[in-house]
């Protein structure tokens, strides 16, 4: 009997981890879509059939597309990600801002770790979707926890069409040296303490990968009041050209 109870307990735990908070995803979509002024909503299919939201803004010309991944618990038009997706599109690059997995509002960063593979799957499908539209040069831009999710994707799914990555306020000490693509590690002078603390460790991996790190003076974790400077840094990495 004990073995049977343990089996059912395990199966229940696996089911709990089987999906993030899809109801919260829907609430975000219902809230933001009526107010979206730039771009069109698109829905991409997960392997389990769930459709996740992306905000797609097609540039008039060019073959560069930028995928944006937001941070913990928010949505693809949130804060600095929402501002970046519009400014990058205004500069002539197609953007696809993707709804990453979200949990309950009180979930912590480490609660998301079991869902990193699902996040990686969403990014992989987003890359495939853009390639299907003819884009040959794709760059990833992510913020905060979205950086850890992006790292999971990039470290497990090498793809020559992914030409670079801008990691904004990257938490953790992932080994950038494992990745064979140009990276910009961008963080604020007044960023979260652990992000600033681990900047030298990240810099070592970046040097091994032939990439760069940039600390933005006066910027906090959300780059409040630094929208234009943040956009210039990202566009500079892109080469500000289609």
Protein backbone atom coordinates (compact mmCIF):
# COMPACT_ATOMS: atom_id res chain seq x y z
CA UNK A 1 0.00 0.00 0.00
CA UNK A 2 2.82 2.39 0.87
CA UNK A 3 4.46 1.76 -2.50
CA UNK A 4 1.15 2.41 -4.23
CA UNK A 5 0.66 5.68 -2.35
CA UNK A 6 4.22 6.73 -3.16
CA UNK A 7 3.59 5.99 -6.84
CA UNK A 8 0.43 8.11 -6.93
CA UNK A 9 2.18 10.88 -5.01
CA UNK A 10 4.97 10.89 -7.59
CA UNK A 11 2.51 10.95 -10.47
CA UNK A 12 0.64 13.85 -8.84
CA UNK A 13 3.90 15.78 -8.49
CA UNK A 14 4.75 15.21 -12.13
CA UNK A 15 1.31 16.40 -13.17
CA UNK A 16 1.73 19.56 -11.10
CA UNK A 17 4.94 20.28 -13.01
CA UNK A 18 3.42 19.33 -16.36
CA UNK A 19 2.23 22.84 -17.17
CA UNK A 20 2.80 26.39 -15.97
CA UNK A 21 -0.07 28.75 -15.15
CA UNK A 22 -1.90 28.84 -18.49
CA UNK A 23 -4.85 30.64 -16.91
CA UNK A 24 -2.54 33.48 -15.90
CA UNK A 25 -1.13 33.59 -19.44
CA UNK A 26 -4.66 34.04 -20.72
CA UNK A 27 -5.39 36.78 -18.21
CA UNK A 28 -2.27 38.62 -19.34
CA UNK A 29 -3.33 38.30 -22.97
CA UNK A 30 -6.86 39.50 -22.23
CA UNK A 31 -5.43 42.49 -20.37
CA UNK A 32 -2.73 43.64 -22.79
CA UNK A 33 -4.02 42.85 -26.27
CA UNK A 34 -6.74 45.56 -26.39
CA UNK A 35 -4.04 48.16 -25.64
CA UNK A 36 -1.31 46.91 -28.01
CA UNK A 37 -0.62 49.63 -30.57
CA UNK A 38 2.42 48.14 -32.30
CA UNK A 39 2.49 44.65 -33.76
CA UNK A 40 0.02 41.83 -34.16
CA UNK A 41 -0.78 38.91 -31.87
CA UNK A 42 0.26 35.49 -33.15
CA UNK A 43 -0.16 32.14 -31.43
CA UNK A 44 2.45 29.41 -31.71
CA UNK A 45 1.86 25.77 -30.84
CA UNK A 46 3.67 23.94 -28.06
CA UNK A 47 4.31 20.23 -28.46
CA UNK A 48 1.40 19.52 -26.08
CA UNK A 49 -0.99 21.59 -28.22
CA UNK A 50 -1.08 24.67 -25.97
CA UNK A 51 -0.92 27.91 -27.93
CA UNK A 52 1.31 30.63 -26.53
CA UNK A 53 1.19 34.30 -27.42
CA UNK A 54 3.71 36.29 -29.40
CA UNK A 55 3.61 39.94 -30.47
CA UNK A 56 4.91 40.14 -34.02
CA UNK A 57 5.98 43.37 -35.71
CA UNK A 58 7.18 42.96 -39.28
CA UNK A 59 9.71 45.44 -40.60
CA UNK A 60 9.23 46.91 -44.06
CA UNK A 61 12.47 45.42 -45.31
CA UNK A 62 15.40 43.32 -44.18
CA UNK A 63 16.24 39.81 -43.11
CA UNK A 64 16.94 40.40 -39.40
CA UNK A 65 14.42 39.31 -36.79
CA UNK A 66 14.69 39.78 -33.04
CA UNK A 67 13.04 37.47 -30.49
CA UNK A 68 12.44 39.03 -27.07
CA UNK A 69 12.02 37.06 -23.84
CA UNK A 70 10.68 38.83 -20.74
CA UNK A 71 11.51 38.22 -17.08
CA UNK A 72 9.68 36.53 -14.22
CA UNK A 73 5.90 36.36 -14.24
CA UNK A 74 5.09 39.08 -16.76
CA UNK A 75 4.14 39.29 -20.46
CA UNK A 76 5.57 40.12 -23.92
CA UNK A 77 4.59 43.80 -23.82
CA UNK A 78 5.84 44.42 -20.29
CA UNK A 79 8.12 47.28 -19.28
CA UNK A 80 11.52 47.41 -20.91
CA UNK A 81 10.71 44.45 -23.19
CA UNK A 82 7.64 46.27 -24.51
CA UNK A 83 9.67 49.40 -25.12
CA UNK A 84 12.50 47.53 -26.80
CA UNK A 85 10.28 45.57 -29.15
CA UNK A 86 8.82 48.83 -30.45
CA UNK A 87 12.11 50.73 -30.71
CA UNK A 88 13.84 47.82 -32.44
CA UNK A 89 10.98 47.62 -34.95
CA UNK A 90 11.14 51.38 -35.52
CA UNK A 91 14.83 50.93 -36.40
CA UNK A 92 13.91 48.47 -39.17
CA UNK A 93 14.14 45.05 -37.54
CA UNK A 94 11.27 42.58 -37.29
CA UNK A 95 10.44 41.66 -33.69
CA UNK A 96 8.68 38.73 -32.06
CA UNK A 97 8.13 39.16 -28.32
CA UNK A 98 7.22 35.80 -26.79
CA UNK A 99 5.10 34.86 -23.79
CA UNK A 100 7.43 32.85 -21.57
CA UNK A 101 6.03 30.39 -19.00
CA UNK A 102 4.57 32.05 -15.92
CA UNK A 103 3.64 30.68 -12.50
CA UNK A 104 1.55 32.10 -9.67
CA UNK A 105 2.27 35.71 -8.74
CA UNK A 106 4.16 34.74 -5.57
CA UNK A 107 6.48 32.22 -7.28
CA UNK A 108 10.23 32.75 -6.86
CA UNK A 109 12.89 32.49 -9.52
CA UNK A 110 14.00 29.00 -8.53
CA UNK A 111 10.38 27.79 -8.77
CA UNK A 112 10.72 28.31 -12.50
CA UNK A 113 13.72 26.01 -13.01
CA UNK A 114 11.58 22.91 -13.78
CA UNK A 115 9.98 24.94 -16.60
CA UNK A 116 13.19 26.03 -18.30
CA UNK A 117 12.94 23.20 -20.82
CA UNK A 118 9.44 24.35 -21.75
CA UNK A 119 10.75 27.90 -22.12
CA UNK A 120 13.53 26.58 -24.36
CA UNK A 121 10.91 24.76 -26.43
CA UNK A 122 8.99 28.03 -26.92
CA UNK A 123 12.12 29.82 -28.08
CA UNK A 124 12.97 26.97 -30.44
CA UNK A 125 9.50 27.12 -31.95
CA UNK A 126 9.74 30.90 -32.24
CA UNK A 127 13.02 30.59 -34.16
CA UNK A 128 11.49 27.96 -36.43
CA UNK A 129 8.43 30.16 -37.04
CA UNK A 130 10.59 33.11 -38.09
CA UNK A 131 12.78 30.91 -40.30
CA UNK A 132 9.57 29.74 -41.96
CA UNK A 133 8.88 33.38 -42.82
CA UNK A 134 12.27 33.63 -44.51
CA UNK A 135 14.42 35.25 -41.82
CA UNK A 136 18.00 34.04 -42.01
CA UNK A 137 19.47 36.20 -39.22
CA UNK A 138 17.81 35.94 -35.81
CA UNK A 139 18.99 37.63 -32.61
CA UNK A 140 17.68 36.93 -29.10
CA UNK A 141 17.13 39.68 -26.52
CA UNK A 142 16.14 38.67 -22.99
CA UNK A 143 15.76 40.22 -19.55
CA UNK A 144 16.38 38.85 -16.06
CA UNK A 145 14.93 35.33 -15.61
CA UNK A 146 14.28 35.29 -19.35
CA UNK A 147 18.07 35.20 -19.72
CA UNK A 148 18.33 31.94 -17.82
CA UNK A 149 15.57 30.49 -19.97
CA UNK A 150 17.34 31.71 -23.10
CA UNK A 151 20.61 30.18 -21.92
CA UNK A 152 18.86 26.83 -21.55
CA UNK A 153 17.69 27.09 -25.15
CA UNK A 154 21.01 28.23 -26.60
CA UNK A 155 23.12 25.72 -24.70
CA UNK A 156 20.95 22.83 -25.83
CA UNK A 157 19.94 23.82 -29.36
CA UNK A 158 22.76 25.23 -31.50
CA UNK A 159 21.31 26.90 -34.61
CA UNK A 160 23.37 28.79 -37.16
CA UNK A 161 20.46 31.14 -37.88
CA UNK A 162 20.70 32.50 -34.30
CA UNK A 163 23.33 35.16 -34.86
CA UNK A 164 23.62 36.67 -31.39
CA UNK A 165 22.19 37.25 -27.93
CA UNK A 166 21.71 40.33 -25.77
CA UNK A 167 21.39 39.22 -22.13
CA UNK A 168 20.01 42.10 -20.03
CA UNK A 169 20.47 41.78 -16.24
CA UNK A 170 21.51 38.15 -16.37
CA UNK A 171 21.13 36.38 -13.00
CA UNK A 172 23.25 33.37 -12.18
CA UNK A 173 26.72 32.38 -13.37
CA UNK A 174 26.00 30.36 -16.50
CA UNK A 175 29.07 29.56 -18.60
CA UNK A 176 28.87 31.88 -21.60
CA UNK A 177 32.00 30.21 -22.94
CA UNK A 178 29.89 27.19 -23.95
CA UNK A 179 28.00 29.27 -26.50
CA UNK A 180 29.44 29.75 -29.97
CA UNK A 181 27.77 33.05 -30.87
CA UNK A 182 28.32 36.75 -30.11
CA UNK A 183 26.86 37.86 -26.76
CA UNK A 184 26.32 41.22 -25.11
CA UNK A 185 25.98 40.94 -21.32
CA UNK A 186 24.29 44.20 -20.35
CA UNK A 187 23.53 45.14 -16.74
CA UNK A 188 22.95 48.25 -14.68
CA UNK A 189 25.33 49.97 -12.30
CA UNK A 190 22.54 49.78 -9.69
CA UNK A 191 21.25 46.37 -10.74
CA UNK A 192 20.24 43.66 -8.26
CA UNK A 193 23.16 42.84 -5.93
CA UNK A 194 23.67 39.26 -7.12
CA UNK A 195 23.74 40.34 -10.76
CA UNK A 196 26.43 42.94 -10.04
CA UNK A 197 28.33 40.50 -7.79
CA UNK A 198 28.58 37.81 -10.44
CA UNK A 199 29.48 40.17 -13.29
CA UNK A 200 33.23 39.30 -13.11
CA UNK A 201 32.43 35.58 -13.36
CA UNK A 202 30.22 36.19 -16.37
CA UNK A 203 32.94 38.35 -17.92
CA UNK A 204 35.39 35.43 -17.85
CA UNK A 205 33.02 33.26 -19.85
CA UNK A 206 32.30 36.12 -22.22
CA UNK A 207 35.99 36.61 -22.90
CA UNK A 208 36.33 32.93 -23.74
CA UNK A 209 33.44 33.29 -26.19
CA UNK A 210 34.86 36.45 -27.77
CA UNK A 211 31.92 38.49 -26.47
CA UNK A 212 31.47 41.65 -24.43
CA UNK A 213 30.03 43.00 -21.19
CA UNK A 214 28.57 46.48 -20.67
CA UNK A 215 27.64 48.07 -17.34
CA UNK A 216 25.25 50.97 -17.90
CA UNK A 217 25.90 53.89 -15.58
CA UNK A 218 22.99 54.83 -13.32
CA UNK A 219 20.74 52.00 -14.52
CA UNK A 220 18.75 49.78 -12.17
CA UNK A 221 17.39 46.28 -12.82
CA UNK A 222 14.50 47.63 -14.90
CA UNK A 223 16.52 50.39 -16.63
CA UNK A 224 13.94 52.96 -15.55
CA UNK A 225 14.62 56.29 -17.23
CA UNK A 226 17.21 54.61 -19.45
CA UNK A 227 14.90 53.45 -22.26
CA UNK A 228 16.71 55.30 -25.03
CA UNK A 229 20.18 54.33 -23.80
CA UNK A 230 19.08 50.69 -23.53
CA UNK A 231 17.70 50.73 -27.07
CA UNK A 232 20.90 52.31 -28.39
CA UNK A 233 22.98 49.58 -26.75
CA UNK A 234 20.85 46.81 -28.23
CA UNK A 235 20.73 48.41 -31.68
CA UNK A 236 24.48 48.91 -31.53
CA UNK A 237 24.87 45.17 -31.01
CA UNK A 238 22.52 44.49 -33.91
CA UNK A 239 24.59 46.80 -36.08
CA UNK A 240 21.44 48.92 -36.47
CA UNK A 241 20.95 47.51 -39.93
CA UNK A 242 18.55 44.97 -41.50
